[in-house]
Amino acid sequence: MERNIKSFRNTMSVSAFRKANNTEEKVQIVESNQTLQDGPFKGRTRVFFALGTPKGRKTGSVSHKFYEGTLTKPVISEIETTEGEWYFLIHQEGELKEAVAEFE
């Protein structure tokens, strides 16, 4: 499912994300029991990132750079969709840029 990005609330390094969530645990990329239904990676196992224990776990989406094997400088952004939903995304540093100006 493609999400349309409206805005970024915050982008931080993985270590800053861990610190903000008061944990020394590693951020893990975890496979789900679902497969991607469309796009260039159709049929591949869907993945997400997870941090923390199940009770206080933070999770989020993973950039296509992971499937390409090019996620070498990961950062985590909190993103708002055009539908008003917020989610975390782990992606390559510099992969996503905010708009310089916005007009209605």
Protein backbone atom coordinates (compact mmCIF):
# COMPACT_ATOMS: atom_id res chain seq x y z
CA MET A 1 0.00 0.00 0.00
CA GLU A 2 1.46 3.32 -1.07
CA ARG A 3 1.06 6.16 1.40
CA ASN A 4 1.06 9.78 0.27
CA ILE A 5 3.32 11.86 2.50
CA LYS A 6 1.94 15.20 3.68
CA SER A 7 4.54 16.25 6.26
CA PHE A 8 7.38 15.19 8.54
CA ARG A 9 7.22 15.77 12.27
CA ASN A 10 10.71 14.61 13.07
CA THR A 11 13.69 12.77 11.55
CA MET A 12 16.41 11.32 13.76
CA SER A 13 19.24 8.84 13.78
CA VAL A 14 18.54 5.32 14.98
CA SER A 15 20.53 5.97 18.16
CA ALA A 16 18.54 9.18 18.85
CA PHE A 17 15.29 7.23 18.31
CA ARG A 18 16.46 4.61 20.82
CA LYS A 19 17.43 7.32 23.30
CA ALA A 20 14.06 9.11 22.86
CA ASN A 21 12.37 5.82 23.71
CA ASN A 22 14.61 5.18 26.74
CA THR A 23 16.04 1.89 25.54
CA GLU A 24 19.41 0.43 24.65
CA GLU A 25 17.78 -2.32 22.56
CA LYS A 26 18.57 -2.51 18.86
CA VAL A 27 16.07 -1.55 16.20
CA GLN A 28 15.23 -4.77 14.37
CA ILE A 29 13.85 -5.37 10.89
CA VAL A 30 11.23 -8.09 11.32
CA GLU A 31 9.46 -10.21 8.71
CA SER A 32 5.67 -10.34 8.84
CA ASN A 33 3.50 -13.20 7.63
CA GLN A 34 2.30 -11.10 4.68
CA THR A 35 3.74 -10.55 1.22
CA LEU A 36 3.88 -7.36 -0.81
CA GLN A 37 0.93 -7.21 -3.19
CA ASP A 38 2.19 -4.68 -5.73
CA GLY A 39 5.16 -2.67 -6.89
CA PRO A 40 8.61 -3.80 -7.94
CA PHE A 41 9.00 -6.09 -4.92
CA LYS A 42 5.64 -7.87 -5.35
CA GLY A 43 5.69 -11.30 -3.73
CA ARG A 44 8.51 -10.50 -1.30
CA THR A 45 7.87 -10.88 2.42
CA ARG A 46 6.62 -7.64 4.00
CA VAL A 47 8.92 -6.31 6.73
CA PHE A 48 8.59 -3.72 9.47
CA PHE A 49 10.92 -2.35 12.12
CA ALA A 50 10.47 -2.91 15.83
CA LEU A 51 12.06 -1.47 18.96
CA GLY A 52 11.41 -2.52 22.54
CA THR A 53 9.45 -5.18 24.32
CA PRO A 54 5.98 -6.24 23.13
CA LYS A 55 4.27 -4.18 25.86
CA GLY A 56 5.93 -0.89 24.87
CA ARG A 57 7.04 -1.73 21.35
CA LYS A 58 7.42 0.97 18.71
CA THR A 59 6.98 -0.24 15.15
CA GLY A 60 7.09 1.32 11.72
CA SER A 61 7.40 0.89 8.00
CA VAL A 62 10.60 0.13 6.12
CA SER A 63 11.79 1.89 2.97
CA HIS A 64 12.16 0.04 -0.33
CA LYS A 65 15.91 0.68 0.07
CA PHE A 66 15.93 -2.31 2.45
CA TYR A 67 14.76 -4.63 -0.34
CA GLU A 68 17.34 -3.13 -2.70
CA GLY A 69 20.08 -3.74 -0.14
CA THR A 70 20.98 -0.04 -0.09
CA LEU A 71 19.78 0.94 3.40
CA THR A 72 23.26 1.84 4.67
CA LYS A 73 22.65 5.09 6.63
CA PRO A 74 19.25 4.53 8.25
CA VAL A 75 17.26 7.29 9.92
CA ILE A 76 13.74 7.20 11.35
CA SER A 77 11.10 9.79 10.47
CA GLU A 78 7.66 10.40 11.89
CA ILE A 79 5.46 11.06 8.88
CA GLU A 80 1.90 12.33 8.37
CA THR A 81 -0.10 11.02 5.42
CA THR A 82 -2.56 13.05 3.36
CA GLU A 83 -5.26 11.03 5.19
CA GLY A 84 -4.08 12.46 8.56
CA GLU A 85 -2.44 9.25 9.83
CA TRP A 86 0.99 9.31 11.53
CA TYR A 87 3.56 6.53 11.29
CA PHE A 88 7.28 5.88 11.67
CA LEU A 89 9.44 5.07 8.64
CA ILE A 90 13.01 3.84 8.64
CA HIS A 91 14.71 5.02 5.46
CA GLN A 92 18.03 6.03 3.94
CA GLU A 93 19.39 9.37 5.16
CA GLY A 94 18.56 11.96 2.50
CA GLU A 95 16.09 9.65 0.71
CA LEU A 96 13.04 11.72 1.57
CA LYS A 97 12.97 15.49 1.42
CA GLU A 98 10.36 17.87 2.72
CA ALA A 99 8.88 20.41 0.38
CA VAL A 100 10.58 23.78 0.33
CA ALA A 101 7.24 25.54 -0.17
CA GLU A 102 3.61 24.49 -0.14
CA PHE A 103 0.67 26.17 -1.90
CA GLU A 104 -3.08 25.65 -1.92
